[in-house]
Amino acid sequence: MNRRGILLGALAAPAIARAQGGPSAPWPQRTVTLIVPYPPGGSTDNVSRPIQQPLGAALGQSVVLENRGGAGGSIGAAAVAQARPDGYTLLVFPTAIMTISPHLMRLPYDPQRDFTPIAMLAISEAVVAMHPSVPVRSIQDLVAYAKERPGRLRFSSAGNGTITQMIGEIFAHSVGIRLEHVPYRGSAPAHTALLAGEVELQFDPVATPSVKDGRIIGLATTGERRSAELPNLPTLRELGMYGEGGQAFFGLAGPAGLPPEITARLVAALEPVLALPEVARAMAPVGLRPSFEAGETFARRIAQDRAIFAEAVRRTGARVE
């Protein structure tokens, strides 16, 4: 039996009913909506789309994506925080929603109180990408160039309070340079701005395909290890050019009070879905790697990164402009 057959067999209806307990019909009984709090084409979207169909197959119901961008992701996140905790409205979130935004802006939700963390979905290995008009071809060149032109180089991000802002801020602080932050409404429009030369830099996995095809210049990556897609680029960490900061990840959460049996059902479905080779193949070209983590381990990661980014915001002086 192939892997997909094993996945569906393992999640067969009788086992589901037993896990739910009692004679009532098991969850889900209708379409499940995953809210992506950014526009289509960005990194959070690129995590969500590969898992959409196999997750629906595992749950035995349709799974739909709803892109609801704006305010650094807080509009979509607030919609889930305010939804009924019945498992039919869930949030695919990047690191920032739970760990960075609380330190930079007033939010319409409390990331500690208003959500039920379910599982980690992926790790991001972002690329430091440079517009080719700038005479810089290495990360060392970038540092030297920026020191001669304080504040002249602009970097785009997916929005105020996002990980793509914080990576740029932490990097600039670590190497003693000043960059101008230009927020956009998601990774995709931020990348379009880089391609058009509206900005000179971007720190985002969404730039990976454009680096591979030569439209922009890759200088380094931001993961804990070298990117499989861009193995010739060093990481900022191996160069000693990145201060303390959490690993960029993407996760799934529901509203506070999500019943434990629904959380358990989603966790049981997601682990084999994230192990599917086609999911890894779909994420890899855009600098993403499926990575499963759930329960107390995942909740601890969120809490630890929240503390790390609180210190990073204080240390770098990052702010929402």
C-alpha atoms as a PDB file:
ATOM      1  CA  MET A   1       0.000   0.000   0.000  1.00  0.00           C
ATOM      2  CA  ASN A   2       1.367   3.444  -0.862  1.00  0.00           C
ATOM      3  CA  ARG A   3       1.840   6.211   1.675  1.00  0.00           C
ATOM      4  CA  ARG A   4      -1.433   7.932   0.810  1.00  0.00           C
ATOM      5  CA  GLY A   5      -3.296   4.668   1.282  1.00  0.00           C
ATOM      6  CA  ILE A   6      -1.682   4.190   4.665  1.00  0.00           C
ATOM      7  CA  LEU A   7      -2.628   7.745   5.611  1.00  0.00           C
ATOM      8  CA  LEU A   8      -6.283   7.321   4.736  1.00  0.00           C
ATOM      9  CA  GLY A   9      -6.477   3.851   6.247  1.00  0.00           C
ATOM     10  CA  ALA A  10      -4.974   5.018   9.520  1.00  0.00           C
ATOM     11  CA  LEU A  11      -7.592   7.716   9.789  1.00  0.00           C
ATOM     12  CA  ALA A  12     -10.578   5.542   8.981  1.00  0.00           C
ATOM     13  CA  ALA A  13     -13.984   6.495  10.334  1.00  0.00           C
ATOM     14  CA  PRO A  14     -14.311   3.869  13.100  1.00  0.00           C
ATOM     15  CA  ALA A  15     -11.085   4.970  14.725  1.00  0.00           C
ATOM     16  CA  ILE A  16     -12.165   8.584  14.455  1.00  0.00           C
ATOM     17  CA  ALA A  17     -15.465   7.898  16.155  1.00  0.00           C
ATOM     18  CA  ARG A  18     -13.719   6.095  19.021  1.00  0.00           C
ATOM     19  CA  ALA A  19     -11.256   8.959  19.420  1.00  0.00           C
ATOM     20  CA  GLN A  20     -14.119  11.427  19.616  1.00  0.00           C
ATOM     21  CA  GLY A  21     -15.888   9.380  22.266  1.00  0.00           C
ATOM     22  CA  GLY A  22     -19.649   8.952  22.543  1.00  0.00           C
ATOM     23  CA  PRO A  23     -22.228   8.196  19.876  1.00  0.00           C
ATOM     24  CA  SER A  24     -22.408  11.697  18.318  1.00  0.00           C
ATOM     25  CA  ALA A  25     -21.179  12.255  14.757  1.00  0.00           C
ATOM     26  CA  PRO A  26     -17.437  12.902  14.651  1.00  0.00           C
ATOM     27  CA  TRP A  27     -15.906  16.219  13.616  1.00  0.00           C
ATOM     28  CA  PRO A  28     -15.786  17.452  10.871  1.00  0.00           C
ATOM     29  CA  GLN A  29     -19.248  17.343   9.321  1.00  0.00           C
ATOM     30  CA  ARG A  30     -18.723  20.209   6.854  1.00  0.00           C
ATOM     31  CA  THR A  31     -16.069  22.303   5.134  1.00  0.00           C
ATOM     32  CA  VAL A  32     -13.098  23.452   7.224  1.00  0.00           C
ATOM     33  CA  THR A  33     -11.730  26.935   6.459  1.00  0.00           C
ATOM     34  CA  LEU A  34      -8.046  27.746   6.876  1.00  0.00           C
ATOM     35  CA  ILE A  35      -7.578  31.514   7.112  1.00  0.00           C
ATOM     36  CA  VAL A  36      -4.265  32.694   5.636  1.00  0.00           C
ATOM     37  CA  PRO A  37      -3.712  36.206   7.043  1.00  0.00           C
ATOM     38  CA  TYR A  38      -1.776  37.457   4.000  1.00  0.00           C
ATOM     39  CA  PRO A  39      -2.453  37.796   0.252  1.00  0.00           C
ATOM     40  CA  PRO A  40      -1.960  34.848  -2.143  1.00  0.00           C
ATOM     41  CA  GLY A  41       1.575  34.017  -3.249  1.00  0.00           C
ATOM     42  CA  GLY A  42       3.385  34.690   0.025  1.00  0.00           C
ATOM     43  CA  SER A  43       5.157  32.264   2.318  1.00  0.00           C
ATOM     44  CA  THR A  44       2.137  31.514   4.537  1.00  0.00           C
ATOM     45  CA  ASP A  45       0.119  30.808   1.399  1.00  0.00           C
ATOM     46  CA  ASN A  46       2.914  28.557   0.109  1.00  0.00           C
ATOM     47  CA  VAL A  47       2.713  26.501   3.317  1.00  0.00           C
ATOM     48  CA  SER A  48      -1.069  26.219   3.182  1.00  0.00           C
ATOM     49  CA  ARG A  49      -1.702  25.169  -0.416  1.00  0.00           C
ATOM     50  CA  PRO A  50       0.361  21.942  -0.477  1.00  0.00           C
ATOM     51  CA  ILE A  51      -1.448  20.596   2.603  1.00  0.00           C
ATOM     52  CA  GLN A  52      -4.958  21.719   1.618  1.00  0.00           C
ATOM     53  CA  GLN A  53      -5.995  18.714  -0.481  1.00  0.00           C
ATOM     54  CA  PRO A  54      -4.311  15.904   1.505  1.00  0.00           C
ATOM     55  CA  LEU A  55      -5.610  17.344   4.769  1.00  0.00           C
ATOM     56  CA  GLY A  56      -9.121  17.407   3.322  1.00  0.00           C
ATOM     57  CA  ALA A  57      -8.717  13.782   2.230  1.00  0.00           C
ATOM     58  CA  ALA A  58      -7.519  12.796   5.703  1.00  0.00           C
ATOM     59  CA  LEU A  59     -10.414  14.584   7.405  1.00  0.00           C
ATOM     60  CA  GLY A  60     -13.014  13.361   4.917  1.00  0.00           C
ATOM     61  CA  GLN A  61     -14.263  16.913   4.273  1.00  0.00           C
ATOM     62  CA  SER A  62     -13.296  19.806   2.012  1.00  0.00           C
ATOM     63  CA  VAL A  63     -10.637  22.177   3.274  1.00  0.00           C
ATOM     64  CA  VAL A  64     -10.712  25.679   1.765  1.00  0.00           C
ATOM     65  CA  LEU A  65      -8.258  28.553   2.057  1.00  0.00           C
ATOM     66  CA  GLU A  66      -9.336  32.116   2.663  1.00  0.00           C
ATOM     67  CA  ASN A  67      -6.694  34.826   2.179  1.00  0.00           C
ATOM     68  CA  ARG A  68      -7.506  37.698   4.531  1.00  0.00           C
ATOM     69  CA  GLY A  69      -4.520  40.045   4.608  1.00  0.00           C
ATOM     70  CA  GLY A  70      -3.787  43.393   6.197  1.00  0.00           C
ATOM     71  CA  ALA A  71      -2.250  44.992   9.299  1.00  0.00           C
ATOM     72  CA  GLY A  72       0.729  42.637   9.413  1.00  0.00           C
ATOM     73  CA  GLY A  73      -1.547  39.596   9.498  1.00  0.00           C
ATOM     74  CA  SER A  74      -3.569  40.774  12.482  1.00  0.00           C
ATOM     75  CA  ILE A  75      -6.857  41.138  10.557  1.00  0.00           C
ATOM     76  CA  GLY A  76      -6.954  37.455   9.600  1.00  0.00           C
ATOM     77  CA  ALA A  77      -5.685  36.388  13.006  1.00  0.00           C
ATOM     78  CA  ALA A  78      -8.391  38.411  14.760  1.00  0.00           C
ATOM     79  CA  ALA A  79     -11.058  36.737  12.618  1.00  0.00           C
ATOM     80  CA  VAL A  80      -9.985  33.337  13.944  1.00  0.00           C
ATOM     81  CA  ALA A  81      -9.614  34.577  17.519  1.00  0.00           C
ATOM     82  CA  GLN A  82     -13.242  35.755  17.370  1.00  0.00           C
ATOM     83  CA  ALA A  83     -14.605  32.638  15.630  1.00  0.00           C
ATOM     84  CA  ARG A  84     -16.584  29.888  17.365  1.00  0.00           C
ATOM     85  CA  PRO A  85     -14.246  27.198  18.732  1.00  0.00           C
ATOM     86  CA  ASP A  86     -15.900  24.449  16.680  1.00  0.00           C
ATOM     87  CA  GLY A  87     -12.928  23.521  14.461  1.00  0.00           C
ATOM     88  CA  TYR A  88     -14.374  24.965  11.260  1.00  0.00           C
ATOM     89  CA  THR A  89     -12.317  28.192  11.240  1.00  0.00           C
ATOM     90  CA  LEU A  90      -8.571  27.771  11.755  1.00  0.00           C
ATOM     91  CA  LEU A  91      -5.513  29.968  11.291  1.00  0.00           C
ATOM     92  CA  VAL A  92      -2.331  29.197   9.377  1.00  0.00           C
ATOM     93  CA  PHE A  93       0.127  31.580  11.012  1.00  0.00           C
ATOM     94  CA  PRO A  94       3.764  32.602  10.600  1.00  0.00           C
ATOM     95  CA  THR A  95       6.073  33.148  13.556  1.00  0.00           C
ATOM     96  CA  ALA A  96       5.231  36.837  13.859  1.00  0.00           C
ATOM     97  CA  ILE A  97       1.527  36.491  14.621  1.00  0.00           C
ATOM     98  CA  MET A  98       2.202  34.819  17.970  1.00  0.00           C
ATOM     99  CA  THR A  99       5.719  35.974  18.851  1.00  0.00           C
ATOM    100  CA  ILE A 100       6.681  39.339  17.300  1.00  0.00           C
ATOM    101  CA  SER A 101       3.572  41.451  16.688  1.00  0.00           C
ATOM    102  CA  PRO A 102       2.655  41.610  20.415  1.00  0.00           C
ATOM    103  CA  HIS A 103       5.862  43.562  21.040  1.00  0.00           C
ATOM    104  CA  LEU A 104       5.424  46.011  18.161  1.00  0.00           C
ATOM    105  CA  MET A 105       1.755  46.956  17.916  1.00  0.00           C
ATOM    106  CA  ARG A 106      -1.591  47.051  19.645  1.00  0.00           C
ATOM    107  CA  LEU A 107      -3.451  43.923  18.549  1.00  0.00           C
ATOM    108  CA  PRO A 108      -7.165  43.069  18.425  1.00  0.00           C
ATOM    109  CA  TYR A 109      -6.341  39.729  20.062  1.00  0.00           C
ATOM    110  CA  ASP A 110      -4.136  38.296  22.785  1.00  0.00           C
ATOM    111  CA  PRO A 111      -1.787  35.690  21.237  1.00  0.00           C
ATOM    112  CA  GLN A 112      -1.425  33.847  24.546  1.00  0.00           C
ATOM    113  CA  ARG A 113      -5.089  33.827  25.556  1.00  0.00           C
ATOM    114  CA  ASP A 114      -7.146  33.837  22.335  1.00  0.00           C
ATOM    115  CA  PHE A 115      -5.781  30.832  20.419  1.00  0.00           C
ATOM    116  CA  THR A 116      -5.353  27.079  20.745  1.00  0.00           C
ATOM    117  CA  PRO A 117      -1.992  26.056  19.202  1.00  0.00           C
ATOM    118  CA  ILE A 118      -2.444  22.852  17.184  1.00  0.00           C
ATOM    119  CA  ALA A 119       0.774  21.984  15.331  1.00  0.00           C
ATOM    120  CA  MET A 120       3.809  23.354  13.545  1.00  0.00           C
ATOM    121  CA  LEU A 121       3.623  22.911   9.774  1.00  0.00           C
ATOM    122  CA  ALA A 122       6.915  24.129   8.312  1.00  0.00           C
ATOM    123  CA  ILE A 123      10.263  25.800   8.900  1.00  0.00           C
ATOM    124  CA  SER A 124      11.406  28.730   6.750  1.00  0.00           C
ATOM    125  CA  GLU A 125      14.858  29.008   5.219  1.00  0.00           C
ATOM    126  CA  ALA A 126      14.659  32.553   3.883  1.00  0.00           C
ATOM    127  CA  VAL A 127      17.106  34.112   1.451  1.00  0.00           C
ATOM    128  CA  VAL A 128      18.769  37.510   1.648  1.00  0.00           C
ATOM    129  CA  ALA A 129      18.046  38.749  -1.872  1.00  0.00           C
ATOM    130  CA  MET A 130      19.513  41.836  -3.553  1.00  0.00           C
ATOM    131  CA  HIS A 131      18.378  43.750  -6.641  1.00  0.00           C
ATOM    132  CA  PRO A 132      21.056  43.334  -9.356  1.00  0.00           C
ATOM    133  CA  SER A 133      21.353  47.108  -9.863  1.00  0.00           C
ATOM    134  CA  VAL A 134      23.258  47.326  -6.568  1.00  0.00           C
ATOM    135  CA  PRO A 135      26.987  46.529  -7.015  1.00  0.00           C
ATOM    136  CA  VAL A 136      26.975  43.906  -4.254  1.00  0.00           C
ATOM    137  CA  ARG A 137      27.611  40.191  -4.802  1.00  0.00           C
ATOM    138  CA  SER A 138      28.292  38.871  -1.295  1.00  0.00           C
ATOM    139  CA  ILE A 139      26.998  39.474   2.189  1.00  0.00           C
ATOM    140  CA  GLN A 140      30.369  40.997   3.110  1.00  0.00           C
ATOM    141  CA  ASP A 141      30.023  43.420   0.170  1.00  0.00           C
ATOM    142  CA  LEU A 142      26.566  44.324   1.416  1.00  0.00           C
ATOM    143  CA  VAL A 143      27.834  45.220   4.870  1.00  0.00           C
ATOM    144  CA  ALA A 144      30.640  47.382   3.472  1.00  0.00           C
ATOM    145  CA  TYR A 145      28.324  49.070   0.975  1.00  0.00           C
ATOM    146  CA  ALA A 146      25.677  49.808   3.603  1.00  0.00           C
ATOM    147  CA  LYS A 147      28.209  51.227   6.069  1.00  0.00           C
ATOM    148  CA  GLU A 148      29.245  53.767   3.431  1.00  0.00           C
ATOM    149  CA  ARG A 149      25.585  54.696   2.798  1.00  0.00           C
ATOM    150  CA  PRO A 150      23.728  54.641   6.138  1.00  0.00           C
ATOM    151  CA  GLY A 151      19.979  54.295   5.651  1.00  0.00           C
ATOM    152  CA  ARG A 152      20.188  54.415   1.839  1.00  0.00           C
ATOM    153  CA  LEU A 153      19.416  50.736   1.270  1.00  0.00           C
ATOM    154  CA  ARG A 154      15.745  49.767   1.632  1.00  0.00           C
ATOM    155  CA  PHE A 155      14.411  46.322   2.422  1.00  0.00           C
ATOM    156  CA  SER A 156      10.855  45.143   1.829  1.00  0.00           C
ATOM    157  CA  SER A 157       8.876  42.987   4.228  1.00  0.00           C
ATOM    158  CA  ALA A 158       5.514  41.231   4.357  1.00  0.00           C
ATOM    159  CA  GLY A 159       4.323  43.917   6.751  1.00  0.00           C
ATOM    160  CA  ASN A 160       5.010  45.626  10.039  1.00  0.00           C
ATOM    161  CA  GLY A 161       5.694  43.145  12.806  1.00  0.00           C
ATOM    162  CA  THR A 162       6.426  40.203  10.502  1.00  0.00           C
ATOM    163  CA  ILE A 163       9.395  37.860  10.686  1.00  0.00           C
ATOM    164  CA  THR A 164      10.607  39.311   7.375  1.00  0.00           C
ATOM    165  CA  GLN A 165      10.928  42.693   9.075  1.00  0.00           C
ATOM    166  CA  MET A 166      12.605  41.264  12.163  1.00  0.00           C
ATOM    167  CA  ILE A 167      15.188  39.255  10.217  1.00  0.00           C
ATOM    168  CA  GLY A 168      16.267  42.448   8.473  1.00  0.00           C
ATOM    169  CA  GLU A 169      16.318  44.412  11.723  1.00  0.00           C
ATOM    170  CA  ILE A 170      18.280  41.758  13.617  1.00  0.00           C
ATOM    171  CA  PHE A 171      20.775  41.370  10.765  1.00  0.00           C
ATOM    172  CA  ALA A 172      21.346  45.132  10.480  1.00  0.00           C
ATOM    173  CA  HIS A 173      21.864  45.426  14.229  1.00  0.00           C
ATOM    174  CA  SER A 174      24.231  42.432  14.298  1.00  0.00           C
ATOM    175  CA  VAL A 175      26.583  43.883  11.671  1.00  0.00           C
ATOM    176  CA  GLY A 176      26.249  47.553  12.617  1.00  0.00           C
ATOM    177  CA  ILE A 177      24.472  48.934   9.563  1.00  0.00           C
ATOM    178  CA  ARG A 178      21.293  50.965   9.086  1.00  0.00           C
ATOM    179  CA  LEU A 179      18.643  49.837   6.608  1.00  0.00           C
ATOM    180  CA  GLU A 180      15.295  51.445   5.813  1.00  0.00           C
ATOM    181  CA  HIS A 181      12.317  49.143   6.332  1.00  0.00           C
ATOM    182  CA  VAL A 182       9.499  49.324   3.740  1.00  0.00           C
ATOM    183  CA  PRO A 183       6.435  47.229   4.721  1.00  0.00           C
ATOM    184  CA  TYR A 184       4.042  45.743   2.154  1.00  0.00           C
ATOM    185  CA  ARG A 185       0.794  43.784   2.467  1.00  0.00           C
ATOM    186  CA  GLY A 186       2.371  40.341   2.237  1.00  0.00           C
ATOM    187  CA  SER A 187       5.488  38.590   0.950  1.00  0.00           C
ATOM    188  CA  ALA A 188       4.342  38.475  -2.677  1.00  0.00           C
ATOM    189  CA  PRO A 189       3.895  42.250  -3.121  1.00  0.00           C
ATOM    190  CA  ALA A 190       7.110  42.799  -1.150  1.00  0.00           C
ATOM    191  CA  HIS A 191       8.901  40.566  -3.628  1.00  0.00           C
ATOM    192  CA  THR A 192       7.305  42.311  -6.613  1.00  0.00           C
ATOM    193  CA  ALA A 193       8.705  45.570  -5.218  1.00  0.00           C
ATOM    194  CA  LEU A 194      12.189  44.048  -5.097  1.00  0.00           C
ATOM    195  CA  LEU A 195      11.946  42.767  -8.675  1.00  0.00           C
ATOM    196  CA  ALA A 196      10.808  46.225  -9.817  1.00  0.00           C
ATOM    197  CA  GLY A 197      13.691  47.937  -8.034  1.00  0.00           C
ATOM    198  CA  GLU A 198      11.451  49.845  -5.610  1.00  0.00           C
ATOM    199  CA  VAL A 199      13.634  48.418  -2.828  1.00  0.00           C
ATOM    200  CA  GLU A 200      17.102  46.898  -2.839  1.00  0.00           C
ATOM    201  CA  LEU A 201      16.760  44.001  -0.375  1.00  0.00           C
ATOM    202  CA  GLN A 202      14.407  41.333   0.884  1.00  0.00           C
ATOM    203  CA  PHE A 203      14.727  38.698   3.655  1.00  0.00           C
ATOM    204  CA  ASP A 204      12.114  36.108   2.670  1.00  0.00           C
ATOM    205  CA  PRO A 205      11.862  32.513   1.360  1.00  0.00           C
ATOM    206  CA  VAL A 206       9.505  33.744  -1.367  1.00  0.00           C
ATOM    207  CA  ALA A 207      12.565  35.182  -3.157  1.00  0.00           C
ATOM    208  CA  THR A 208      14.151  31.741  -3.684  1.00  0.00           C
ATOM    209  CA  PRO A 209      12.774  31.036  -7.217  1.00  0.00           C
ATOM    210  CA  SER A 210      13.880  34.467  -8.472  1.00  0.00           C
ATOM    211  CA  VAL A 211      17.384  33.880  -7.112  1.00  0.00           C
ATOM    212  CA  LYS A 212      17.527  30.495  -8.837  1.00  0.00           C
ATOM    213  CA  ASP A 213      16.501  31.943 -12.210  1.00  0.00           C
ATOM    214  CA  GLY A 214      18.920  34.863 -11.906  1.00  0.00           C
ATOM    215  CA  ARG A 215      16.492  37.776 -11.740  1.00  0.00           C
ATOM    216  CA  ILE A 216      17.895  38.830  -8.358  1.00  0.00           C
ATOM    217  CA  ILE A 217      21.096  38.085  -6.441  1.00  0.00           C
ATOM    218  CA  GLY A 218      21.163  35.725  -3.462  1.00  0.00           C
ATOM    219  CA  LEU A 219      23.652  36.683  -0.757  1.00  0.00           C
ATOM    220  CA  ALA A 220      22.891  34.342   2.160  1.00  0.00           C
ATOM    221  CA  THR A 221      20.129  32.317   3.776  1.00  0.00           C
ATOM    222  CA  THR A 222      18.658  32.669   7.243  1.00  0.00           C
ATOM    223  CA  GLY A 223      18.041  29.087   8.377  1.00  0.00           C
ATOM    224  CA  GLU A 224      19.953  27.036  10.899  1.00  0.00           C
ATOM    225  CA  ARG A 225      21.504  25.091   8.008  1.00  0.00           C
ATOM    226  CA  ARG A 226      22.164  25.742   4.329  1.00  0.00           C
ATOM    227  CA  SER A 227      19.193  25.647   1.998  1.00  0.00           C
ATOM    228  CA  ALA A 228      18.848  22.537  -0.178  1.00  0.00           C
ATOM    229  CA  GLU A 229      17.605  24.836  -2.953  1.00  0.00           C
ATOM    230  CA  LEU A 230      20.533  27.278  -2.654  1.00  0.00           C
ATOM    231  CA  PRO A 231      23.373  25.182  -1.187  1.00  0.00           C
ATOM    232  CA  ASN A 232      26.137  27.540  -2.350  1.00  0.00           C
ATOM    233  CA  LEU A 233      24.868  30.395  -0.208  1.00  0.00           C
ATOM    234  CA  PRO A 234      26.204  30.624   3.360  1.00  0.00           C
ATOM    235  CA  THR A 235      23.829  31.136   6.259  1.00  0.00           C
ATOM    236  CA  LEU A 236      23.938  34.363   8.239  1.00  0.00           C
ATOM    237  CA  ARG A 237      24.496  32.263  11.342  1.00  0.00           C
ATOM    238  CA  GLU A 238      27.590  30.494   9.995  1.00  0.00           C
ATOM    239  CA  LEU A 239      29.022  33.918   9.085  1.00  0.00           C
ATOM    240  CA  GLY A 240      28.340  35.206  12.590  1.00  0.00           C
ATOM    241  CA  MET A 241      26.105  37.904  11.124  1.00  0.00           C
ATOM    242  CA  TYR A 242      22.817  37.197  12.857  1.00  0.00           C
ATOM    243  CA  GLY A 243      21.944  37.948  16.452  1.00  0.00           C
ATOM    244  CA  GLU A 244      19.751  35.852  18.696  1.00  0.00           C
ATOM    245  CA  GLY A 245      16.338  35.220  17.191  1.00  0.00           C
ATOM    246  CA  GLY A 246      13.877  32.381  16.866  1.00  0.00           C
ATOM    247  CA  GLN A 247      13.735  30.077  13.866  1.00  0.00           C
ATOM    248  CA  ALA A 248      11.017  31.199  11.453  1.00  0.00           C
ATOM    249  CA  PHE A 249       8.176  28.676  11.454  1.00  0.00           C
ATOM    250  CA  PHE A 250       4.553  28.330  10.375  1.00  0.00           C
ATOM    251  CA  GLY A 251       1.817  26.727  12.442  1.00  0.00           C
ATOM    252  CA  LEU A 252      -1.866  25.952  12.714  1.00  0.00           C
ATOM    253  CA  ALA A 253      -4.089  27.308  15.488  1.00  0.00           C
ATOM    254  CA  GLY A 254      -7.761  27.498  16.365  1.00  0.00           C
ATOM    255  CA  PRO A 255      -9.719  29.844  18.602  1.00  0.00           C
ATOM    256  CA  ALA A 256      -9.309  29.523  22.361  1.00  0.00           C
ATOM    257  CA  GLY A 257     -11.408  26.740  23.794  1.00  0.00           C
ATOM    258  CA  LEU A 258     -11.032  24.414  20.819  1.00  0.00           C
ATOM    259  CA  PRO A 259     -12.164  20.996  22.136  1.00  0.00           C
ATOM    260  CA  PRO A 260      -9.244  18.627  22.834  1.00  0.00           C
ATOM    261  CA  GLU A 261     -10.763  15.919  20.621  1.00  0.00           C
ATOM    262  CA  ILE A 262     -10.733  18.265  17.609  1.00  0.00           C
ATOM    263  CA  THR A 263      -7.146  19.269  18.308  1.00  0.00           C
ATOM    264  CA  ALA A 264      -6.204  15.585  18.576  1.00  0.00           C
ATOM    265  CA  ARG A 265      -8.011  14.816  15.313  1.00  0.00           C
ATOM    266  CA  LEU A 266      -6.111  17.554  13.481  1.00  0.00           C
ATOM    267  CA  VAL A 267      -2.769  16.493  14.971  1.00  0.00           C
ATOM    268  CA  ALA A 268      -3.391  12.871  13.920  1.00  0.00           C
ATOM    269  CA  ALA A 269      -4.191  14.000  10.377  1.00  0.00           C
ATOM    270  CA  LEU A 270      -1.381  16.525   9.998  1.00  0.00           C
ATOM    271  CA  GLU A 271       1.593  14.363  10.981  1.00  0.00           C
ATOM    272  CA  PRO A 272       1.285  11.937   8.031  1.00  0.00           C
ATOM    273  CA  VAL A 273       0.192  14.740   5.671  1.00  0.00           C
ATOM    274  CA  LEU A 274       3.411  16.654   6.396  1.00  0.00           C
ATOM    275  CA  ALA A 275       5.410  13.461   5.773  1.00  0.00           C
ATOM    276  CA  LEU A 276       4.088  13.138   2.199  1.00  0.00           C
ATOM    277  CA  PRO A 277       6.902  13.554  -0.369  1.00  0.00           C
ATOM    278  CA  GLU A 278       4.699  15.705  -2.612  1.00  0.00           C
ATOM    279  CA  VAL A 279       4.180  18.199   0.207  1.00  0.00           C
ATOM    280  CA  ALA A 280       7.950  18.541   0.697  1.00  0.00           C
ATOM    281  CA  ARG A 281       8.466  18.889  -3.065  1.00  0.00           C
ATOM    282  CA  ALA A 282       5.891  21.670  -3.279  1.00  0.00           C
ATOM    283  CA  MET A 283       7.398  23.656  -0.403  1.00  0.00           C
ATOM    284  CA  ALA A 284      11.102  23.250  -1.218  1.00  0.00           C
ATOM    285  CA  PRO A 285      11.363  25.604  -4.230  1.00  0.00           C
ATOM    286  CA  VAL A 286      10.158  28.533  -2.128  1.00  0.00           C
ATOM    287  CA  GLY A 287      12.520  27.914   0.786  1.00  0.00           C
ATOM    288  CA  LEU A 288      10.136  26.011   3.054  1.00  0.00           C
ATOM    289  CA  ARG A 289      10.526  22.632   4.738  1.00  0.00           C
ATOM    290  CA  PRO A 290       7.657  20.614   6.291  1.00  0.00           C
ATOM    291  CA  SER A 291       8.239  20.178   9.999  1.00  0.00           C
ATOM    292  CA  PHE A 292       5.759  18.636  12.424  1.00  0.00           C
ATOM    293  CA  GLU A 293       5.543  19.484  16.106  1.00  0.00           C
ATOM    294  CA  ALA A 294       2.511  19.461  18.394  1.00  0.00           C
ATOM    295  CA  GLY A 295       1.282  19.501  21.961  1.00  0.00           C
ATOM    296  CA  GLU A 296       3.338  20.969  24.775  1.00  0.00           C
ATOM    297  CA  THR A 297       6.488  20.939  22.637  1.00  0.00           C
ATOM    298  CA  PHE A 298       4.907  23.285  20.106  1.00  0.00           C
ATOM    299  CA  ALA A 299       3.351  25.505  22.783  1.00  0.00           C
ATOM    300  CA  ARG A 300       6.774  25.763  24.447  1.00  0.00           C
ATOM    301  CA  ARG A 301       8.404  26.796  21.146  1.00  0.00           C
ATOM    302  CA  ILE A 302       5.899  29.629  20.752  1.00  0.00           C
ATOM    303  CA  ALA A 303       6.441  30.840  24.326  1.00  0.00           C
ATOM    304  CA  GLN A 304      10.235  30.683  24.021  1.00  0.00           C
ATOM    305  CA  ASP A 305      10.263  32.553  20.698  1.00  0.00           C
ATOM    306  CA  ARG A 306       7.926  35.193  22.111  1.00  0.00           C
ATOM    307  CA  ALA A 307      10.513  35.886  24.817  1.00  0.00           C
ATOM    308  CA  ILE A 308      13.391  35.837  22.307  1.00  0.00           C
ATOM    309  CA  PHE A 309      11.691  38.346  20.021  1.00  0.00           C
ATOM    310  CA  ALA A 310      10.718  40.594  22.927  1.00  0.00           C
ATOM    311  CA  GLU A 311      14.433  40.943  23.635  1.00  0.00           C
ATOM    312  CA  ALA A 312      15.241  41.313  19.907  1.00  0.00           C
ATOM    313  CA  VAL A 313      12.717  44.137  19.536  1.00  0.00           C
ATOM    314  CA  ARG A 314      14.137  45.889  22.596  1.00  0.00           C
ATOM    315  CA  ARG A 315      17.741  45.395  21.478  1.00  0.00           C
ATOM    316  CA  THR A 316      17.312  46.458  17.844  1.00  0.00           C
ATOM    317  CA  GLY A 317      14.865  49.274  18.469  1.00  0.00           C
ATOM    318  CA  ALA A 318      12.534  47.858  15.806  1.00  0.00           C
ATOM    319  CA  ARG A 319       9.226  49.679  15.597  1.00  0.00           C
ATOM    320  CA  VAL A 320       6.072  49.858  13.520  1.00  0.00           C
ATOM    321  CA  GLU A 321       6.288  52.951  11.332  1.00  0.00           C
END
